[in-house]
Amino acid sequence: MNDGFKIGDFDVADKEHGKPPKKYEDVELQALLDEDDSQTQKQLAEQLSVSQQAVSNRLREMEKIQKVGRWVRHMN
């Protein structure tokens, strides 16, 4: 039975939870976009060795959208 404690860890204080660490930095993704902003998410993912979904998530967090084949910052 696993009650959520590691062996010998009986601390009931809240532990830090959140998103898993990024597999690459935004600067790497931005550098690829600066080099060629017409690349697809699939092409970017292959160059960064991550999933297309990971690239999609990062682009959304960077507020980037694709317009007329180019990645641009989304203006609200």
C-alpha atoms as a PDB file:
ATOM      1  CA  MET A   1       0.000   0.000   0.000  1.00  0.00           C
ATOM      2  CA  ASN A   2       1.315   3.438  -0.940  1.00  0.00           C
ATOM      3  CA  ASP A   3      -0.047   6.214   1.248  1.00  0.00           C
ATOM      4  CA  GLY A   4       1.958   8.970  -0.442  1.00  0.00           C
ATOM      5  CA  PHE A   5       4.978   8.887   1.873  1.00  0.00           C
ATOM      6  CA  LYS A   6       8.435   7.787   0.882  1.00  0.00           C
ATOM      7  CA  ILE A   7      10.109   5.375   3.255  1.00  0.00           C
ATOM      8  CA  GLY A   8      11.109   7.310   6.357  1.00  0.00           C
ATOM      9  CA  ASP A   9       9.521  10.560   5.104  1.00  0.00           C
ATOM     10  CA  PHE A  10       6.742  11.467   7.507  1.00  0.00           C
ATOM     11  CA  ASP A  11       6.780  15.223   6.877  1.00  0.00           C
ATOM     12  CA  VAL A  12       3.179  16.335   6.346  1.00  0.00           C
ATOM     13  CA  ALA A  13       4.100  19.812   5.092  1.00  0.00           C
ATOM     14  CA  ASP A  14       3.137  20.589   1.509  1.00  0.00           C
ATOM     15  CA  LYS A  15       5.824  19.726  -1.000  1.00  0.00           C
ATOM     16  CA  GLU A  16       6.564  21.853  -4.066  1.00  0.00           C
ATOM     17  CA  HIS A  17       4.425  20.634  -6.956  1.00  0.00           C
ATOM     18  CA  GLY A  18       4.059  21.987 -10.410  1.00  0.00           C
ATOM     19  CA  LYS A  19       5.055  21.537 -13.977  1.00  0.00           C
ATOM     20  CA  PRO A  20       7.909  19.224 -14.829  1.00  0.00           C
ATOM     21  CA  PRO A  21      11.128  21.021 -15.809  1.00  0.00           C
ATOM     22  CA  LYS A  22      11.423  22.119 -19.421  1.00  0.00           C
ATOM     23  CA  LYS A  23      13.472  19.890 -21.699  1.00  0.00           C
ATOM     24  CA  TYR A  24      14.822  22.925 -23.555  1.00  0.00           C
ATOM     25  CA  GLU A  25      14.971  26.643 -22.991  1.00  0.00           C
ATOM     26  CA  ASP A  26      12.804  29.249 -24.690  1.00  0.00           C
ATOM     27  CA  VAL A  27      15.986  30.879 -26.012  1.00  0.00           C
ATOM     28  CA  GLU A  28      16.673  27.743 -28.075  1.00  0.00           C
ATOM     29  CA  LEU A  29      13.177  27.845 -29.559  1.00  0.00           C
ATOM     30  CA  GLN A  30      13.397  31.612 -30.121  1.00  0.00           C
ATOM     31  CA  ALA A  31      16.769  31.199 -31.866  1.00  0.00           C
ATOM     32  CA  LEU A  32      15.224  28.695 -34.286  1.00  0.00           C
ATOM     33  CA  LEU A  33      12.336  31.080 -34.949  1.00  0.00           C
ATOM     34  CA  ASP A  34      14.762  33.975 -35.494  1.00  0.00           C
ATOM     35  CA  GLU A  35      16.666  31.822 -37.971  1.00  0.00           C
ATOM     36  CA  ASP A  36      13.544  30.811 -39.926  1.00  0.00           C
ATOM     37  CA  ASP A  37      10.109  31.813 -38.654  1.00  0.00           C
ATOM     38  CA  SER A  38       8.304  29.772 -41.298  1.00  0.00           C
ATOM     39  CA  GLN A  39       9.203  26.402 -39.729  1.00  0.00           C
ATOM     40  CA  THR A  40       6.383  24.117 -38.652  1.00  0.00           C
ATOM     41  CA  GLN A  41       5.940  22.878 -35.107  1.00  0.00           C
ATOM     42  CA  LYS A  42       7.014  19.444 -36.315  1.00  0.00           C
ATOM     43  CA  GLN A  43      10.261  20.836 -37.773  1.00  0.00           C
ATOM     44  CA  LEU A  44      10.975  22.781 -34.582  1.00  0.00           C
ATOM     45  CA  ALA A  45      10.275  19.692 -32.452  1.00  0.00           C
ATOM     46  CA  GLU A  46      12.669  17.572 -34.510  1.00  0.00           C
ATOM     47  CA  GLN A  47      15.460  20.134 -34.136  1.00  0.00           C
ATOM     48  CA  LEU A  48      14.911  20.388 -30.368  1.00  0.00           C
ATOM     49  CA  SER A  49      14.431  16.614 -29.934  1.00  0.00           C
ATOM     50  CA  VAL A  50      11.086  17.077 -28.195  1.00  0.00           C
ATOM     51  CA  SER A  51       7.476  16.307 -29.067  1.00  0.00           C
ATOM     52  CA  GLN A  52       5.396  18.551 -31.292  1.00  0.00           C
ATOM     53  CA  GLN A  53       3.050  19.006 -28.298  1.00  0.00           C
ATOM     54  CA  ALA A  54       5.952  20.345 -26.194  1.00  0.00           C
ATOM     55  CA  VAL A  55       6.714  22.921 -28.903  1.00  0.00           C
ATOM     56  CA  SER A  56       3.029  23.804 -29.176  1.00  0.00           C
ATOM     57  CA  ASN A  57       2.821  24.361 -25.409  1.00  0.00           C
ATOM     58  CA  ARG A  58       5.947  26.542 -25.331  1.00  0.00           C
ATOM     59  CA  LEU A  59       4.784  28.633 -28.303  1.00  0.00           C
ATOM     60  CA  ARG A  60       1.464  29.208 -26.530  1.00  0.00           C
ATOM     61  CA  GLU A  61       3.280  30.250 -23.332  1.00  0.00           C
ATOM     62  CA  MET A  62       5.512  32.549 -25.412  1.00  0.00           C
ATOM     63  CA  GLU A  63       2.286  33.984 -26.918  1.00  0.00           C
ATOM     64  CA  LYS A  64       3.323  33.001 -30.436  1.00  0.00           C
ATOM     65  CA  ILE A  65       0.797  32.257 -33.155  1.00  0.00           C
ATOM     66  CA  GLN A  66       1.323  31.414 -36.796  1.00  0.00           C
ATOM     67  CA  LYS A  67       0.019  33.964 -39.289  1.00  0.00           C
ATOM     68  CA  VAL A  68       0.472  33.540 -43.014  1.00  0.00           C
ATOM     69  CA  GLY A  69       3.133  30.912 -42.391  1.00  0.00           C
ATOM     70  CA  ARG A  70       5.165  32.987 -39.908  1.00  0.00           C
ATOM     71  CA  TRP A  71       5.390  32.780 -36.090  1.00  0.00           C
ATOM     72  CA  VAL A  72       4.511  36.164 -34.558  1.00  0.00           C
ATOM     73  CA  ARG A  73       3.678  37.419 -31.101  1.00  0.00           C
ATOM     74  CA  HIS A  74      -0.050  37.369 -30.433  1.00  0.00           C
ATOM     75  CA  MET A  75      -1.421  40.833 -29.738  1.00  0.00           C
ATOM     76  CA  ASN A  76      -4.457  40.997 -27.428  1.00  0.00           C
END
